[in-house]
Amino acid sequence: MPYKSKRELPKGVRNNLPLDAQEIYQDTYNSAEEFYKEKSKRKNPNESKEEVAAKVAWSAVKSKYKKVDDRWKRIRI
């Protein structure tokens, strides 16, 4: 189910990521969940659309942030 607000995000996202990264996660998750609702679009049709959407969302976060010690820092390009 898509996340309507940041308060609905998983605790691991809410409690660890900066607000901007939470927005990236939320937006990407919601888009990916819609895109992968059809099993035929998933590499592994045994994975749920939620599992795939979470992987895609984390990948989007990691493209702009990296974890340094116990904090997420924006990558400078």
N, C-alpha and C. Protein backbone atom coordinates (compact mmCIF):
# COMPACT_ATOMS: atom_id res chain seq x y z
N MET A 1 0.84 -1.16 0.00
CA MET A 1 0.00 0.00 0.00
C MET A 1 0.90 1.24 0.00
N PRO A 2 0.59 2.23 -0.81
CA PRO A 2 1.43 3.42 -0.87
C PRO A 2 1.43 4.18 0.46
N TYR A 3 2.53 4.87 0.69
CA TYR A 3 2.66 5.68 1.90
C TYR A 3 2.09 7.06 1.62
N LYS A 4 1.12 7.47 2.42
CA LYS A 4 0.49 8.78 2.23
C LYS A 4 1.25 9.89 2.96
N SER A 5 1.99 9.51 3.98
CA SER A 5 2.77 10.51 4.73
C SER A 5 4.03 9.84 5.27
N LYS A 6 4.97 10.67 5.69
CA LYS A 6 6.22 10.14 6.25
C LYS A 6 5.98 9.41 7.57
N ARG A 7 4.92 9.75 8.26
CA ARG A 7 4.59 9.05 9.52
C ARG A 7 4.28 7.58 9.29
N GLU A 8 3.88 7.21 8.09
CA GLU A 8 3.54 5.83 7.76
C GLU A 8 4.75 5.00 7.35
N LEU A 9 5.89 5.65 7.10
CA LEU A 9 7.08 4.93 6.65
C LEU A 9 7.54 3.94 7.72
N PRO A 10 8.26 2.89 7.30
CA PRO A 10 8.80 1.94 8.29
C PRO A 10 9.69 2.66 9.30
N LYS A 11 9.71 2.14 10.53
CA LYS A 11 10.51 2.77 11.59
C LYS A 11 11.96 2.93 11.20
N GLY A 12 12.53 1.95 10.52
CA GLY A 12 13.93 2.03 10.11
C GLY A 12 14.20 3.20 9.19
N VAL A 13 13.22 3.59 8.40
CA VAL A 13 13.34 4.74 7.52
C VAL A 13 13.13 6.02 8.33
N ARG A 14 12.04 6.07 9.07
CA ARG A 14 11.69 7.27 9.86
C ARG A 14 12.76 7.63 10.88
N ASN A 15 13.29 6.64 11.56
CA ASN A 15 14.20 6.90 12.68
C ASN A 15 15.65 7.09 12.27
N ASN A 16 15.99 6.81 11.03
CA ASN A 16 17.39 6.87 10.63
C ASN A 16 17.70 7.85 9.50
N LEU A 17 16.78 8.04 8.60
CA LEU A 17 17.07 8.87 7.43
C LEU A 17 16.69 10.33 7.65
N PRO A 18 17.47 11.26 7.09
CA PRO A 18 17.09 12.68 7.11
C PRO A 18 15.77 12.86 6.35
N LEU A 19 15.08 13.96 6.60
CA LEU A 19 13.77 14.18 5.98
C LEU A 19 13.81 14.11 4.46
N ASP A 20 14.83 14.69 3.84
CA ASP A 20 14.94 14.65 2.38
C ASP A 20 15.05 13.21 1.89
N ALA A 21 15.81 12.40 2.58
CA ALA A 21 15.97 11.00 2.20
C ALA A 21 14.66 10.24 2.42
N GLN A 22 13.91 10.61 3.44
CA GLN A 22 12.61 9.99 3.67
C GLN A 22 11.66 10.30 2.51
N GLU A 23 11.73 11.51 2.01
CA GLU A 23 10.90 11.89 0.87
C GLU A 23 11.29 11.09 -0.37
N ILE A 24 12.59 10.93 -0.58
CA ILE A 24 13.06 10.13 -1.70
C ILE A 24 12.53 8.71 -1.58
N TYR A 25 12.65 8.13 -0.38
CA TYR A 25 12.16 6.77 -0.15
C TYR A 25 10.66 6.69 -0.43
N GLN A 26 9.90 7.60 0.14
CA GLN A 26 8.45 7.57 -0.01
C GLN A 26 8.02 7.71 -1.47
N ASP A 27 8.55 8.69 -2.16
CA ASP A 27 8.18 8.92 -3.56
C ASP A 27 8.56 7.74 -4.44
N THR A 28 9.77 7.23 -4.23
CA THR A 28 10.24 6.12 -5.05
C THR A 28 9.46 4.85 -4.75
N TYR A 29 9.23 4.59 -3.47
CA TYR A 29 8.45 3.41 -3.08
C TYR A 29 7.07 3.44 -3.74
N ASN A 30 6.39 4.56 -3.62
CA ASN A 30 5.03 4.66 -4.17
C ASN A 30 5.02 4.46 -5.69
N SER A 31 5.99 5.02 -6.37
CA SER A 31 6.06 4.85 -7.83
C SER A 31 6.37 3.40 -8.19
N ALA A 32 7.33 2.81 -7.48
CA ALA A 32 7.73 1.43 -7.77
C ALA A 32 6.61 0.45 -7.45
N GLU A 33 5.90 0.69 -6.38
CA GLU A 33 4.80 -0.22 -6.03
C GLU A 33 3.75 -0.23 -7.14
N GLU A 34 3.46 0.93 -7.67
CA GLU A 34 2.50 1.02 -8.78
C GLU A 34 3.05 0.33 -10.03
N PHE A 35 4.32 0.59 -10.35
CA PHE A 35 4.93 0.03 -11.55
C PHE A 35 5.00 -1.50 -11.48
N TYR A 36 5.36 -2.04 -10.33
CA TYR A 36 5.57 -3.48 -10.19
C TYR A 36 4.35 -4.23 -9.69
N LYS A 37 3.17 -3.64 -9.79
CA LYS A 37 1.98 -4.35 -9.32
C LYS A 37 1.71 -5.59 -10.17
N GLU A 38 2.14 -5.59 -11.41
CA GLU A 38 2.01 -6.77 -12.27
C GLU A 38 3.24 -7.66 -12.08
N LYS A 39 3.01 -8.92 -11.77
CA LYS A 39 4.12 -9.85 -11.54
C LYS A 39 5.06 -9.95 -12.73
N SER A 40 4.54 -9.79 -13.92
CA SER A 40 5.35 -9.94 -15.13
C SER A 40 6.46 -8.88 -15.21
N LYS A 41 6.34 -7.78 -14.49
CA LYS A 41 7.35 -6.72 -14.51
C LYS A 41 8.46 -6.95 -13.49
N ARG A 42 8.28 -7.91 -12.61
CA ARG A 42 9.26 -8.17 -11.55
C ARG A 42 10.26 -9.21 -12.03
N LYS A 43 11.55 -9.01 -11.68
CA LYS A 43 12.56 -10.00 -12.02
C LYS A 43 12.26 -11.33 -11.35
N ASN A 44 11.85 -11.26 -10.10
CA ASN A 44 11.48 -12.46 -9.35
C ASN A 44 9.99 -12.38 -9.04
N PRO A 45 9.17 -13.09 -9.80
CA PRO A 45 7.71 -12.99 -9.60
C PRO A 45 7.25 -13.53 -8.24
N ASN A 46 8.14 -14.19 -7.50
CA ASN A 46 7.78 -14.67 -6.17
C ASN A 46 7.88 -13.58 -5.11
N GLU A 47 8.55 -12.47 -5.46
CA GLU A 47 8.62 -11.35 -4.53
C GLU A 47 7.34 -10.52 -4.66
N SER A 48 6.89 -10.00 -3.55
CA SER A 48 5.70 -9.15 -3.58
C SER A 48 6.06 -7.78 -4.15
N LYS A 49 5.05 -7.06 -4.59
CA LYS A 49 5.30 -5.71 -5.10
C LYS A 49 5.87 -4.82 -4.01
N GLU A 50 5.50 -5.08 -2.74
CA GLU A 50 6.01 -4.29 -1.62
C GLU A 50 7.51 -4.56 -1.40
N GLU A 51 7.91 -5.82 -1.53
CA GLU A 51 9.33 -6.15 -1.38
C GLU A 51 10.17 -5.48 -2.46
N VAL A 52 9.68 -5.55 -3.68
CA VAL A 52 10.40 -4.94 -4.80
C VAL A 52 10.43 -3.42 -4.64
N ALA A 53 9.32 -2.83 -4.26
CA ALA A 53 9.25 -1.37 -4.08
C ALA A 53 10.22 -0.91 -2.99
N ALA A 54 10.33 -1.68 -1.91
CA ALA A 54 11.25 -1.31 -0.84
C ALA A 54 12.70 -1.37 -1.33
N LYS A 55 13.04 -2.38 -2.12
CA LYS A 55 14.40 -2.48 -2.66
C LYS A 55 14.71 -1.31 -3.58
N VAL A 56 13.76 -0.97 -4.42
CA VAL A 56 13.95 0.15 -5.35
C VAL A 56 14.08 1.46 -4.58
N ALA A 57 13.26 1.63 -3.53
CA ALA A 57 13.31 2.85 -2.73
C ALA A 57 14.65 2.99 -2.01
N TRP A 58 15.15 1.89 -1.42
CA TRP A 58 16.46 1.95 -0.76
C TRP A 58 17.56 2.25 -1.77
N SER A 59 17.46 1.70 -2.95
CA SER A 59 18.46 1.98 -3.98
C SER A 59 18.46 3.47 -4.34
N ALA A 60 17.29 4.06 -4.43
CA ALA A 60 17.20 5.50 -4.74
C ALA A 60 17.83 6.33 -3.62
N VAL A 61 17.56 5.95 -2.38
CA VAL A 61 18.17 6.66 -1.25
C VAL A 61 19.68 6.54 -1.31
N LYS A 62 20.18 5.33 -1.56
CA LYS A 62 21.62 5.09 -1.57
C LYS A 62 22.32 5.75 -2.75
N SER A 63 21.57 6.16 -3.75
CA SER A 63 22.18 6.87 -4.88
C SER A 63 22.47 8.33 -4.51
N LYS A 64 21.84 8.83 -3.44
CA LYS A 64 22.03 10.22 -3.03
C LYS A 64 22.60 10.36 -1.62
N TYR A 65 22.56 9.29 -0.85
CA TYR A 65 23.05 9.30 0.53
C TYR A 65 23.95 8.09 0.76
N LYS A 66 24.86 8.23 1.72
CA LYS A 66 25.63 7.07 2.16
C LYS A 66 25.70 7.10 3.67
N LYS A 67 25.80 5.92 4.24
CA LYS A 67 25.85 5.81 5.69
C LYS A 67 27.29 5.95 6.15
N VAL A 68 27.50 6.91 7.03
CA VAL A 68 28.82 7.15 7.62
C VAL A 68 28.65 6.95 9.11
N ASP A 69 29.34 5.95 9.63
CA ASP A 69 29.15 5.54 11.02
C ASP A 69 27.68 5.17 11.21
N ASP A 70 26.96 5.91 12.02
CA ASP A 70 25.55 5.57 12.24
C ASP A 70 24.60 6.64 11.68
N ARG A 71 25.11 7.50 10.79
CA ARG A 71 24.30 8.57 10.21
C ARG A 71 24.34 8.52 8.70
N TRP A 72 23.23 8.96 8.08
CA TRP A 72 23.16 9.05 6.63
C TRP A 72 23.56 10.45 6.21
N LYS A 73 24.51 10.54 5.27
CA LYS A 73 25.01 11.83 4.80
C LYS A 73 24.76 11.95 3.29
N ARG A 74 24.38 13.14 2.87
CA ARG A 74 24.15 13.41 1.45
C ARG A 74 25.47 13.29 0.70
N ILE A 75 25.45 12.65 -0.44
CA ILE A 75 26.65 12.52 -1.28
C ILE A 75 26.82 13.81 -2.07
N ARG A 76 27.99 14.35 -2.01
CA ARG A 76 28.31 15.56 -2.76
C ARG A 76 28.84 15.15 -4.12
N ILE A 77 28.24 15.72 -5.15
CA ILE A 77 28.66 15.38 -6.53
C ILE A 77 29.36 16.56 -7.13
